[in-house]
Amino acid sequence: MSPPETATVGFDRRELQAILNIYGRMVAQGEWRDYAMDFSPQRAIFSIFRRTGEAAFYRVVKEPKLARKQGAYSVVAQTGLILKRGPDLARVLAVMEKKPVAVV
């Protein structure tokens, strides 16, 4: 008897478009250079790298089982610190946008 197959969590077209919009802007600014995607039965991860061969600078994580608690989406920094978590992907991704610096 084989073990039951579990569905793999992934990003849908709308979610991937939102992530790639920010990614594309940051690549054009020269901030980011590479990305990777990982999928498992528990979560989907979009990892963003400043340079190829380094640890992921940001990770966008989708965990559907947390949707009713803290929200299915989170942005995790290179250190493992969760920068933002919530049910709305656009609001969670806003934490990765570069803030304009005021020159005084």
C-alpha atoms as a PDB file:
ATOM      1  CA  MET A   1       0.000   0.000   0.000  1.00  0.00           C
ATOM      2  CA  SER A   2       1.505   3.357  -1.040  1.00  0.00           C
ATOM      3  CA  PRO A   3       1.339   6.499   1.128  1.00  0.00           C
ATOM      4  CA  PRO A   4      -1.384   9.015   0.209  1.00  0.00           C
ATOM      5  CA  GLU A   5      -0.234  11.757  -2.161  1.00  0.00           C
ATOM      6  CA  THR A   6      -0.397  15.292  -0.823  1.00  0.00           C
ATOM      7  CA  ALA A   7      -0.885  18.350  -2.969  1.00  0.00           C
ATOM      8  CA  THR A   8       2.063  20.685  -3.370  1.00  0.00           C
ATOM      9  CA  VAL A   9       1.562  24.312  -2.353  1.00  0.00           C
ATOM     10  CA  GLY A  10       2.400  26.811  -5.084  1.00  0.00           C
ATOM     11  CA  PHE A  11       1.850  30.411  -6.111  1.00  0.00           C
ATOM     12  CA  ASP A  12      -1.060  31.162  -8.436  1.00  0.00           C
ATOM     13  CA  ARG A  13      -0.730  33.514 -11.387  1.00  0.00           C
ATOM     14  CA  ARG A  14      -1.891  36.618  -9.468  1.00  0.00           C
ATOM     15  CA  GLU A  15       0.501  35.976  -6.567  1.00  0.00           C
ATOM     16  CA  LEU A  16       3.447  35.308  -8.848  1.00  0.00           C
ATOM     17  CA  GLN A  17       2.698  38.464 -10.856  1.00  0.00           C
ATOM     18  CA  ALA A  18       2.731  40.593  -7.682  1.00  0.00           C
ATOM     19  CA  ILE A  19       6.068  39.094  -6.583  1.00  0.00           C
ATOM     20  CA  LEU A  20       7.640  39.423 -10.034  1.00  0.00           C
ATOM     21  CA  ASN A  21       6.535  43.073 -10.339  1.00  0.00           C
ATOM     22  CA  ILE A  22       8.625  44.012  -7.301  1.00  0.00           C
ATOM     23  CA  TYR A  23      11.428  41.663  -8.323  1.00  0.00           C
ATOM     24  CA  GLY A  24      11.617  43.219 -11.795  1.00  0.00           C
ATOM     25  CA  ARG A  25      11.809  46.761 -10.415  1.00  0.00           C
ATOM     26  CA  MET A  26      14.592  45.839  -8.014  1.00  0.00           C
ATOM     27  CA  VAL A  27      16.569  44.013 -10.733  1.00  0.00           C
ATOM     28  CA  ALA A  28      16.271  47.124 -12.935  1.00  0.00           C
ATOM     29  CA  GLN A  29      17.695  49.190 -10.035  1.00  0.00           C
ATOM     30  CA  GLY A  30      20.579  46.725  -9.685  1.00  0.00           C
ATOM     31  CA  GLU A  31      19.584  45.647  -6.163  1.00  0.00           C
ATOM     32  CA  TRP A  32      18.695  42.001  -6.818  1.00  0.00           C
ATOM     33  CA  ARG A  33      20.206  39.518  -9.238  1.00  0.00           C
ATOM     34  CA  ASP A  34      18.659  36.065  -8.897  1.00  0.00           C
ATOM     35  CA  TYR A  35      15.700  34.119  -7.517  1.00  0.00           C
ATOM     36  CA  ALA A  36      14.645  30.565  -6.751  1.00  0.00           C
ATOM     37  CA  MET A  37      11.315  28.891  -6.047  1.00  0.00           C
ATOM     38  CA  ASP A  38      10.743  25.920  -3.744  1.00  0.00           C
ATOM     39  CA  PHE A  39       7.480  24.024  -3.384  1.00  0.00           C
ATOM     40  CA  SER A  40       6.466  21.477  -0.745  1.00  0.00           C
ATOM     41  CA  PRO A  41       3.201  20.139   0.690  1.00  0.00           C
ATOM     42  CA  GLN A  42       3.425  22.662   3.566  1.00  0.00           C
ATOM     43  CA  ARG A  43       4.666  25.868   1.882  1.00  0.00           C
ATOM     44  CA  ALA A  44       5.825  27.642  -1.259  1.00  0.00           C
ATOM     45  CA  ILE A  45       8.924  29.851  -1.075  1.00  0.00           C
ATOM     46  CA  PHE A  46      10.159  32.524  -3.505  1.00  0.00           C
ATOM     47  CA  SER A  47      13.772  33.306  -2.521  1.00  0.00           C
ATOM     48  CA  ILE A  48      15.453  36.524  -3.677  1.00  0.00           C
ATOM     49  CA  PHE A  49      19.230  36.876  -3.902  1.00  0.00           C
ATOM     50  CA  ARG A  50      21.422  39.970  -4.111  1.00  0.00           C
ATOM     51  CA  ARG A  51      24.242  37.920  -5.591  1.00  0.00           C
ATOM     52  CA  THR A  52      24.285  34.386  -6.915  1.00  0.00           C
ATOM     53  CA  GLY A  53      25.897  32.051  -4.400  1.00  0.00           C
ATOM     54  CA  GLU A  54      24.842  33.971  -1.281  1.00  0.00           C
ATOM     55  CA  ALA A  55      22.076  33.177   1.151  1.00  0.00           C
ATOM     56  CA  ALA A  56      18.629  34.442   0.192  1.00  0.00           C
ATOM     57  CA  PHE A  57      18.251  38.154   0.973  1.00  0.00           C
ATOM     58  CA  TYR A  58      14.448  37.851   1.246  1.00  0.00           C
ATOM     59  CA  ARG A  59      12.082  34.883   1.170  1.00  0.00           C
ATOM     60  CA  VAL A  60       8.396  35.264   0.331  1.00  0.00           C
ATOM     61  CA  VAL A  61       6.640  32.348   2.021  1.00  0.00           C
ATOM     62  CA  LYS A  62       3.092  31.092   1.462  1.00  0.00           C
ATOM     63  CA  GLU A  63       1.793  28.712   4.149  1.00  0.00           C
ATOM     64  CA  PRO A  64      -1.930  28.044   3.647  1.00  0.00           C
ATOM     65  CA  LYS A  65      -2.332  26.291   7.021  1.00  0.00           C
ATOM     66  CA  LEU A  66      -1.555  29.632   8.758  1.00  0.00           C
ATOM     67  CA  ALA A  67      -4.213  31.523   6.771  1.00  0.00           C
ATOM     68  CA  ARG A  68      -6.720  31.629   9.643  1.00  0.00           C
ATOM     69  CA  LYS A  69      -4.140  32.445  12.318  1.00  0.00           C
ATOM     70  CA  GLN A  70      -1.522  34.986  11.233  1.00  0.00           C
ATOM     71  CA  GLY A  71      -2.069  35.042   7.485  1.00  0.00           C
ATOM     72  CA  ALA A  72      -0.789  32.781   4.754  1.00  0.00           C
ATOM     73  CA  TYR A  73       1.947  35.137   3.493  1.00  0.00           C
ATOM     74  CA  SER A  74       5.171  36.296   5.110  1.00  0.00           C
ATOM     75  CA  VAL A  75       8.418  38.002   4.135  1.00  0.00           C
ATOM     76  CA  VAL A  76      11.491  36.617   5.905  1.00  0.00           C
ATOM     77  CA  ALA A  77      14.829  38.449   6.038  1.00  0.00           C
ATOM     78  CA  GLN A  78      18.226  36.826   5.507  1.00  0.00           C
ATOM     79  CA  THR A  79      18.638  36.515   9.293  1.00  0.00           C
ATOM     80  CA  GLY A  80      15.378  34.569   9.656  1.00  0.00           C
ATOM     81  CA  LEU A  81      13.443  37.521  11.083  1.00  0.00           C
ATOM     82  CA  ILE A  82       9.853  37.695   9.851  1.00  0.00           C
ATOM     83  CA  LEU A  83       9.520  41.257   8.554  1.00  0.00           C
ATOM     84  CA  LYS A  84       5.795  41.142   7.810  1.00  0.00           C
ATOM     85  CA  ARG A  85       3.032  38.555   7.884  1.00  0.00           C
ATOM     86  CA  GLY A  86      -0.590  38.758   6.836  1.00  0.00           C
ATOM     87  CA  PRO A  87      -3.471  37.598   4.649  1.00  0.00           C
ATOM     88  CA  ASP A  88      -2.941  40.210   1.874  1.00  0.00           C
ATOM     89  CA  LEU A  89       0.085  39.522  -0.334  1.00  0.00           C
ATOM     90  CA  ALA A  90       0.345  43.084  -1.680  1.00  0.00           C
ATOM     91  CA  ARG A  91       0.565  44.569   1.833  1.00  0.00           C
ATOM     92  CA  VAL A  92       3.109  41.949   2.914  1.00  0.00           C
ATOM     93  CA  LEU A  93       5.286  42.593  -0.159  1.00  0.00           C
ATOM     94  CA  ALA A  94       5.295  46.349   0.543  1.00  0.00           C
ATOM     95  CA  VAL A  95       7.941  45.752   3.226  1.00  0.00           C
ATOM     96  CA  MET A  96      10.465  44.948   0.457  1.00  0.00           C
ATOM     97  CA  GLU A  97       9.961  48.214  -1.443  1.00  0.00           C
ATOM     98  CA  LYS A  98      12.833  50.669  -1.130  1.00  0.00           C
ATOM     99  CA  LYS A  99      11.856  53.672   0.930  1.00  0.00           C
ATOM    100  CA  PRO A 100      12.949  57.049  -0.436  1.00  0.00           C
ATOM    101  CA  VAL A 101      15.674  58.640   1.670  1.00  0.00           C
ATOM    102  CA  ALA A 102      15.176  62.269   2.680  1.00  0.00           C
ATOM    103  CA  VAL A 103      18.270  64.390   2.266  1.00  0.00           C
ATOM    104  CA  VAL A 104      18.398  67.240   4.735  1.00  0.00           C
END
